[in-house]
């Protein structure tokens, strides 16, 4: 068992294998003689007997010796796995809570600055923000189950009520007590207007947009908003004209990039998915699988689809840009015909697809949108 050994101490490698230590990823690999398969040292498959193991320094060496890469841990990707490392960091935070950046980086065998940069690139948030959102998610789960606010805050790991209320508006979108009461004491203004996709409901708190719905008539849209915020004070009308105009311009292809403030309730996972959706360029699409991989959870394809289906702010968070792997539409909360219309409009009016030197065409489109 000494051929191609990357370290003088074979016992060190065996301990790393037994402990599934990710710090050796890209530095060492092990192969199993009986299966003729090689893996990363942190592969989650069943641990082999020591006498069956041989170590290599590169995938090429293992393959030259006649071993096949493991389909489970994909050892050829071990040299540069920023998304995977972010997923490992997420699992550590989920299991052990808000570890310091230094401790998290030490566990993963990278520098704190590298981890901070790659984690945010993969998930859209920092490790600290991810831990905070997990805590807020647990709090919300507790209160939904009937726990009192004071009991839920300690179950979720908040040291004091002041700490919870300090972060509540960022993580929950309202005070904890208001959340537990279905939005009680909140005022939500909404308007319903005509749009290229039928009737459009736009609703907002004083912090930002909390709902954008599409339908054929007003009553179902109002019922959906009331179901989302059963105890809130819903007021039809208000100063939403600027946001509505931006949405209508976007639907007409005149304003490809929407940058509107949001105030939506979300779990940590939903937030990661929705942030990734907002990164999809206008006129492009991604598959549910690609979104799952981008957030560092490649196995969570169904959960990604569910997060898309539960998106309360249509268009602002463009869940319509996510398709099945075979290119079919998949689902859409507001109807597949609307999803198809959105995709066709974006494809036609995306900056890279516009015909250069055709100002008359652009003017005609703008005129049609304002009619």
Protein backbone atom coordinates (compact mmCIF):
# COMPACT_ATOMS: atom_id res chain seq x y z
CA UNK A 1 0.00 0.00 0.00
CA UNK A 2 2.90 2.35 -0.49
CA UNK A 3 2.70 2.91 -4.26
CA UNK A 4 2.15 6.56 -5.24
CA UNK A 5 1.71 7.49 -1.57
CA UNK A 6 1.43 11.33 -1.37
CA UNK A 7 2.38 11.55 2.32
CA UNK A 8 5.12 9.72 4.24
CA UNK A 9 2.65 8.86 7.01
CA UNK A 10 0.11 6.41 5.65
CA UNK A 11 -1.66 6.32 8.99
CA UNK A 12 -2.45 10.01 8.59
CA UNK A 13 -4.21 9.33 5.29
CA UNK A 14 -6.14 6.41 6.76
CA UNK A 15 -7.32 8.58 9.66
CA UNK A 16 -8.40 11.24 7.16
CA UNK A 17 -10.31 8.61 5.19
CA UNK A 18 -11.94 7.19 8.34
CA UNK A 19 -12.99 10.69 9.43
CA UNK A 20 -14.00 11.78 5.93
CA UNK A 21 -11.74 14.81 6.30
CA UNK A 22 -12.39 17.32 3.44
CA UNK A 23 -9.03 19.03 3.98
CA UNK A 24 -7.35 16.39 1.82
CA UNK A 25 -9.58 16.99 -1.20
CA UNK A 26 -7.43 17.55 -4.26
CA UNK A 27 -4.31 16.31 -2.41
CA UNK A 28 -4.97 12.59 -2.04
CA UNK A 29 -7.36 9.90 -3.27
CA UNK A 30 -8.00 6.33 -2.24
CA UNK A 31 -8.93 3.35 -4.36
CA UNK A 32 -10.46 0.02 -3.37
CA UNK A 33 -8.86 -3.03 -4.91
CA UNK A 34 -11.98 -5.19 -4.74
CA UNK A 35 -14.28 -2.71 -6.53
CA UNK A 36 -11.65 -1.08 -8.80
CA UNK A 37 -13.12 2.32 -7.89
CA UNK A 38 -11.28 5.37 -6.54
CA UNK A 39 -12.74 8.13 -4.35
CA UNK A 40 -11.99 11.31 -2.45
CA UNK A 41 -11.04 10.81 1.17
CA UNK A 42 -14.32 12.33 2.33
CA UNK A 43 -16.53 10.14 0.11
CA UNK A 44 -19.77 9.30 1.99
CA UNK A 45 -19.77 5.67 0.78
CA UNK A 46 -19.21 2.82 3.21
CA UNK A 47 -15.66 2.72 4.55
CA UNK A 48 -13.58 -0.10 3.02
CA UNK A 49 -11.28 -2.45 4.89
CA UNK A 50 -7.83 -1.02 5.25
CA UNK A 51 -6.08 -3.88 3.49
CA UNK A 52 -8.16 -3.16 0.38
CA UNK A 53 -7.11 0.50 0.15
CA UNK A 54 -4.43 2.10 -2.02
CA UNK A 55 -3.65 5.84 -2.11
CA UNK A 56 -2.90 8.08 -5.10
CA UNK A 57 -1.98 11.73 -5.51
CA UNK A 58 -4.06 12.46 -8.64
CA UNK A 59 -7.08 11.05 -10.46
CA UNK A 60 -4.85 10.43 -13.47
CA UNK A 61 -2.62 8.11 -11.45
CA UNK A 62 -5.60 6.16 -10.18
CA UNK A 63 -7.07 5.79 -13.66
CA UNK A 64 -3.72 4.79 -15.13
CA UNK A 65 -3.67 1.98 -12.55
CA UNK A 66 -7.04 0.75 -13.80
CA UNK A 67 -9.45 2.35 -11.30
CA UNK A 68 -12.75 4.06 -12.22
CA UNK A 69 -13.95 7.33 -10.61
CA UNK A 70 -16.68 7.04 -8.00
CA UNK A 71 -20.02 8.30 -9.28
CA UNK A 72 -21.05 9.36 -5.81
CA UNK A 73 -18.21 11.67 -4.77
CA UNK A 74 -16.95 12.53 -8.28
CA UNK A 75 -13.24 12.67 -7.41
CA UNK A 76 -12.29 14.47 -10.61
CA UNK A 77 -14.07 17.55 -9.25
CA UNK A 78 -12.18 17.54 -5.96
CA UNK A 79 -9.39 19.86 -7.06
CA UNK A 80 -11.56 22.97 -7.34
CA UNK A 81 -14.92 22.54 -5.62
CA UNK A 82 -16.05 25.99 -4.47
CA UNK A 83 -19.74 25.12 -4.75
CA UNK A 84 -19.20 21.80 -3.02
CA UNK A 85 -17.13 23.40 -0.29
CA UNK A 86 -19.93 25.90 0.27
CA UNK A 87 -22.31 22.94 0.61
CA UNK A 88 -19.98 21.38 3.20
CA UNK A 89 -19.92 24.69 5.08
CA UNK A 90 -23.74 24.80 4.99
CA UNK A 91 -23.93 21.30 6.47
CA UNK A 92 -21.52 22.24 9.26
CA UNK A 93 -23.56 25.34 10.11
CA UNK A 94 -26.80 23.38 10.01
CA UNK A 95 -25.35 20.76 12.35
CA UNK A 96 -23.37 22.93 14.77
CA UNK A 97 -24.82 26.42 14.53
CA UNK A 98 -23.09 29.74 13.90
CA UNK A 99 -19.40 28.79 13.85
CA UNK A 100 -16.93 31.65 13.47
CA UNK A 101 -15.54 32.17 9.98
CA UNK A 102 -12.07 31.23 11.24
CA UNK A 103 -13.31 27.97 12.78
CA UNK A 104 -15.37 27.11 9.72
CA UNK A 105 -12.39 27.70 7.45
CA UNK A 106 -10.16 25.59 9.70
CA UNK A 107 -12.61 22.71 9.52
CA UNK A 108 -12.62 22.87 5.73
CA UNK A 109 -8.89 23.38 5.33
CA UNK A 110 -9.04 26.76 3.56
CA UNK A 111 -8.31 30.36 4.47
CA UNK A 112 -11.12 32.48 5.98
CA UNK A 113 -10.97 35.01 3.12
CA UNK A 114 -11.19 32.26 0.50
CA UNK A 115 -14.14 30.63 2.25
CA UNK A 116 -15.96 33.96 2.62
CA UNK A 117 -15.51 34.73 -1.07
CA UNK A 118 -16.44 31.30 -2.45
CA UNK A 119 -19.34 30.78 -0.03
CA UNK A 120 -20.96 34.06 -1.03
CA UNK A 121 -20.37 33.35 -4.73
CA UNK A 122 -22.10 29.97 -4.37
CA UNK A 123 -25.00 30.91 -2.08
CA UNK A 124 -25.42 34.67 -2.40
CA UNK A 125 -24.92 35.20 1.35
CA UNK A 126 -22.02 35.04 3.81
CA UNK A 127 -21.67 32.15 6.29
CA UNK A 128 -22.82 34.46 9.08
CA UNK A 129 -25.92 35.51 7.12
CA UNK A 130 -26.69 31.88 6.31
CA UNK A 131 -26.51 30.95 10.00
CA UNK A 132 -28.76 33.90 10.88
CA UNK A 133 -31.33 32.80 8.34
CA UNK A 134 -31.29 29.25 9.63
CA UNK A 135 -31.95 30.61 13.11
CA UNK A 136 -34.81 32.75 11.82
CA UNK A 137 -36.20 29.76 9.95
CA UNK A 138 -36.21 27.68 13.12
CA UNK A 139 -37.92 30.51 15.00
CA UNK A 140 -40.64 30.71 12.36
CA UNK A 141 -41.12 26.95 12.44
CA UNK A 142 -41.57 27.07 16.21
CA UNK A 143 -44.14 29.84 16.17
CA UNK A 144 -46.06 28.21 13.34
CA UNK A 145 -46.25 25.09 15.50
CA UNK A 146 -47.89 27.12 18.29
CA UNK A 147 -44.87 27.94 20.44
CA UNK A 148 -44.90 31.31 22.19
CA UNK A 149 -42.56 33.98 20.90
CA UNK A 150 -40.43 33.85 24.06
CA UNK A 151 -40.23 30.05 23.97
CA UNK A 152 -39.46 29.97 20.25
CA UNK A 153 -36.66 32.53 20.46
CA UNK A 154 -34.74 30.44 23.00
CA UNK A 155 -35.43 27.20 21.12
CA UNK A 156 -33.96 28.83 18.03
CA UNK A 157 -30.83 29.90 19.89
CA UNK A 158 -31.38 33.64 20.33
CA UNK A 159 -29.68 34.81 23.50
CA UNK A 160 -32.27 37.48 24.20
CA UNK A 161 -35.45 38.97 22.82
CA UNK A 162 -33.58 42.16 21.89
CA UNK A 163 -31.29 40.14 19.62
CA UNK A 164 -34.27 38.56 17.91
CA UNK A 165 -36.06 41.85 17.32
CA UNK A 166 -32.81 43.41 16.10
CA UNK A 167 -32.60 40.92 13.22
CA UNK A 168 -36.30 40.26 12.66
CA UNK A 169 -36.95 42.82 9.96
CA UNK A 170 -34.06 41.52 7.88
CA UNK A 171 -34.85 37.82 8.26
CA UNK A 172 -38.63 37.69 8.63
CA UNK A 173 -39.85 40.93 7.06
CA UNK A 174 -41.92 41.92 10.10
CA UNK A 175 -41.69 41.74 13.88
CA UNK A 176 -41.77 38.22 15.36
CA UNK A 177 -45.06 38.82 17.12
CA UNK A 178 -46.65 40.09 13.91
CA UNK A 179 -45.41 37.03 12.07
CA UNK A 180 -46.95 34.71 14.62
CA UNK A 181 -50.26 36.56 14.30
CA UNK A 182 -50.39 36.28 10.51
CA UNK A 183 -49.38 39.88 9.94
CA UNK A 184 -51.53 41.40 12.67
CA UNK A 185 -51.04 45.16 13.07
CA UNK A 186 -49.36 45.31 9.64
CA UNK A 187 -50.77 47.43 6.86
CA UNK A 188 -50.33 46.14 3.34
CA UNK A 189 -51.34 48.34 0.43
CA UNK A 190 -52.19 46.75 -2.88
CA UNK A 191 -53.41 47.68 -6.34
CA UNK A 192 -54.72 45.57 -9.20
CA UNK A 193 -54.10 46.72 -12.76
CA UNK A 194 -54.29 45.41 -16.29
CA UNK A 195 -51.06 43.96 -17.69
CA UNK A 196 -49.94 42.00 -20.75
CA UNK A 197 -50.50 38.86 -18.64
CA UNK A 198 -54.00 39.71 -17.42
CA UNK A 199 -54.85 41.28 -14.08
CA UNK A 200 -51.78 42.01 -11.91
CA UNK A 201 -51.88 42.48 -8.15
CA UNK A 202 -48.97 44.39 -6.63
CA UNK A 203 -48.78 44.60 -2.82
CA UNK A 204 -46.26 46.21 -0.52
CA UNK A 205 -45.44 46.95 3.09
CA UNK A 206 -43.54 50.06 4.08
CA UNK A 207 -40.32 48.09 3.46
CA UNK A 208 -40.95 46.85 -0.06
CA UNK A 209 -42.96 44.63 -2.40
CA UNK A 210 -44.44 41.58 -0.69
CA UNK A 211 -46.55 40.17 -3.54
CA UNK A 212 -46.94 40.24 -7.32
CA UNK A 213 -49.73 37.95 -8.55
CA UNK A 214 -51.30 37.36 -11.97
CA UNK A 215 -54.83 36.18 -12.73
CA UNK A 216 -57.94 36.58 -14.83
CA UNK A 217 -60.03 38.48 -12.26
CA UNK A 218 -59.57 40.45 -9.07
CA UNK A 219 -61.35 38.28 -6.50
CA UNK A 220 -58.95 35.27 -6.61
CA UNK A 221 -55.95 37.60 -6.38
CA UNK A 222 -57.35 39.34 -3.33
CA UNK A 223 -58.17 35.98 -1.77
CA UNK A 224 -54.59 34.78 -2.30
CA UNK A 225 -53.20 37.90 -0.60
CA UNK A 226 -55.62 37.51 2.32
CA UNK A 227 -54.55 33.86 2.72
CA UNK A 228 -50.88 34.87 2.85
CA UNK A 229 -51.50 37.61 5.45
CA UNK A 230 -54.72 36.56 7.21
CA UNK A 231 -54.46 39.07 10.06
CA UNK A 232 -52.93 42.02 8.22
CA UNK A 233 -54.86 45.17 7.36
CA UNK A 234 -55.19 45.02 3.58
CA UNK A 235 -55.84 48.36 1.93
CA UNK A 236 -56.62 48.64 -1.75
CA UNK A 237 -54.84 51.68 -3.14
CA UNK A 238 -51.73 53.55 -2.07
CA UNK A 239 -48.52 55.01 -3.44
CA UNK A 240 -47.47 52.04 -5.57
CA UNK A 241 -47.57 53.71 -8.98
CA UNK A 242 -43.79 53.88 -9.37
CA UNK A 243 -43.39 50.14 -8.74
CA UNK A 244 -46.36 49.23 -10.92
CA UNK A 245 -45.00 51.34 -13.77
CA UNK A 246 -41.62 49.58 -13.45
CA UNK A 247 -43.31 46.17 -13.57
CA UNK A 248 -45.38 47.08 -16.62
CA UNK A 249 -42.33 48.48 -18.41
CA UNK A 250 -40.49 45.25 -17.61
CA UNK A 251 -43.34 43.12 -18.97
CA UNK A 252 -43.27 45.19 -22.16
CA UNK A 253 -39.55 44.59 -22.60
CA UNK A 254 -38.64 48.22 -21.99
CA UNK A 255 -36.91 47.71 -18.63
CA UNK A 256 -35.00 44.40 -18.65
CA UNK A 257 -33.44 44.83 -15.22
CA UNK A 258 -35.72 45.15 -12.20
CA UNK A 259 -34.20 46.38 -8.97
CA UNK A 260 -37.19 46.73 -6.66
CA UNK A 261 -37.12 46.41 -2.86
CA UNK A 262 -38.63 43.19 -1.54
CA UNK A 263 -40.23 42.39 1.80
CA UNK A 264 -41.11 38.70 1.54
CA UNK A 265 -41.15 35.94 4.12
CA UNK A 266 -38.71 33.15 3.29
CA UNK A 267 -36.89 30.22 4.77
CA UNK A 268 -33.10 30.20 4.44
CA UNK A 269 -33.36 27.72 1.58
CA UNK A 270 -36.03 29.72 -0.26
CA UNK A 271 -33.95 32.87 0.12
CA UNK A 272 -30.92 31.18 -1.45
CA UNK A 273 -33.02 29.90 -4.36
CA UNK A 274 -34.72 33.24 -4.97
CA UNK A 275 -31.43 35.13 -4.86
CA UNK A 276 -30.04 32.72 -7.46
CA UNK A 277 -33.11 33.26 -9.67
CA UNK A 278 -32.50 37.01 -9.60
CA UNK A 279 -29.02 36.35 -11.01
CA UNK A 280 -30.41 34.73 -14.18
CA UNK A 281 -29.93 37.30 -16.97
CA UNK A 282 -32.93 38.68 -18.80
CA UNK A 283 -33.60 36.54 -21.88
CA UNK A 284 -31.87 33.44 -20.47
CA UNK A 285 -33.10 30.35 -18.65
CA UNK A 286 -31.72 27.75 -16.26
CA UNK A 287 -32.85 24.25 -15.35
CA UNK A 288 -33.98 23.29 -11.86
CA UNK A 289 -30.87 21.10 -11.71
CA UNK A 290 -28.59 24.03 -12.58
CA UNK A 291 -30.16 26.19 -9.87
CA UNK A 292 -29.74 23.39 -7.31
CA UNK A 293 -26.07 23.05 -8.27
CA UNK A 294 -25.55 26.82 -8.15
CA UNK A 295 -26.75 27.03 -4.54
CA UNK A 296 -24.51 24.13 -3.54
CA UNK A 297 -27.25 21.51 -3.12
CA UNK A 298 -27.27 19.46 -6.34
CA UNK A 299 -29.59 16.82 -4.88
CA UNK A 300 -32.26 19.38 -3.93
CA UNK A 301 -33.88 19.65 -7.38
CA UNK A 302 -37.41 19.03 -6.10
CA UNK A 303 -36.91 21.48 -3.25
CA UNK A 304 -35.78 24.11 -5.76
CA UNK A 305 -38.92 23.50 -7.81
CA UNK A 306 -41.03 23.90 -4.66
CA UNK A 307 -39.25 27.17 -3.79
CA UNK A 308 -39.98 28.45 -7.31
CA UNK A 309 -43.64 27.49 -6.95
CA UNK A 310 -43.92 29.32 -3.62
CA UNK A 311 -42.36 32.56 -4.89
CA UNK A 312 -44.79 35.35 -3.94
CA UNK A 313 -43.24 38.08 -6.09
CA UNK A 314 -43.66 37.02 -9.70
CA UNK A 315 -41.33 38.68 -12.21
CA UNK A 316 -39.40 40.54 -9.50
CA UNK A 317 -37.99 37.13 -8.59
CA UNK A 318 -38.04 35.55 -12.06
CA UNK A 319 -39.01 31.96 -11.31
CA UNK A 320 -40.41 31.76 -14.85
CA UNK A 321 -36.81 31.52 -16.12
CA UNK A 322 -36.39 28.04 -14.65
CA UNK A 323 -37.23 25.05 -16.86
CA UNK A 324 -36.98 21.30 -16.68
CA UNK A 325 -33.73 19.67 -17.84
CA UNK A 326 -35.38 18.60 -21.09
CA UNK A 327 -36.33 22.19 -21.88
CA UNK A 328 -40.04 21.83 -21.12
CA UNK A 329 -41.75 24.51 -19.08
CA UNK A 330 -42.34 22.59 -15.86
CA UNK A 331 -44.83 24.42 -13.62
CA UNK A 332 -45.81 28.01 -12.95
CA UNK A 333 -48.03 29.26 -10.16
CA UNK A 334 -49.81 31.76 -12.42
CA UNK A 335 -50.35 29.45 -15.41
CA UNK A 336 -48.05 27.93 -18.02
CA UNK A 337 -49.44 30.21 -20.74
CA UNK A 338 -48.13 33.19 -18.76
CA UNK A 339 -44.74 31.54 -18.29
CA UNK A 340 -44.52 30.89 -22.02
CA UNK A 341 -45.51 34.48 -22.80
CA UNK A 342 -42.88 35.87 -20.42
CA UNK A 343 -40.12 33.73 -21.91
CA UNK A 344 -41.08 34.62 -25.49
CA UNK A 345 -41.20 38.33 -24.68
CA UNK A 346 -37.82 38.24 -22.94
CA UNK A 347 -36.23 36.26 -25.75
CA UNK A 348 -37.56 38.73 -28.30
CA UNK A 349 -36.57 41.89 -26.42
CA UNK A 350 -33.34 40.79 -24.71
CA UNK A 351 -30.57 43.29 -25.55
CA UNK A 352 -28.48 40.64 -27.35
CA UNK A 353 -31.44 39.69 -29.56
CA UNK A 354 -32.60 43.14 -30.60
CA UNK A 355 -32.01 44.07 -34.22
CA UNK A 356 -29.36 46.76 -34.36
CA UNK A 357 -30.22 49.90 -36.24
CA UNK A 358 -33.98 49.42 -35.96
CA UNK A 359 -35.21 52.39 -33.93
CA UNK A 360 -38.64 52.18 -35.55
CA UNK A 361 -39.15 48.65 -34.23
CA UNK A 362 -38.18 49.71 -30.72
CA UNK A 363 -40.44 52.76 -30.91
CA UNK A 364 -43.35 50.62 -32.11
CA UNK A 365 -42.90 48.21 -29.23
CA UNK A 366 -42.84 51.06 -26.74
CA UNK A 367 -45.94 52.61 -28.27
CA UNK A 368 -47.80 49.30 -28.17
CA UNK A 369 -46.89 48.78 -24.51
CA UNK A 370 -48.40 52.12 -23.49
CA UNK A 371 -51.64 51.72 -25.35
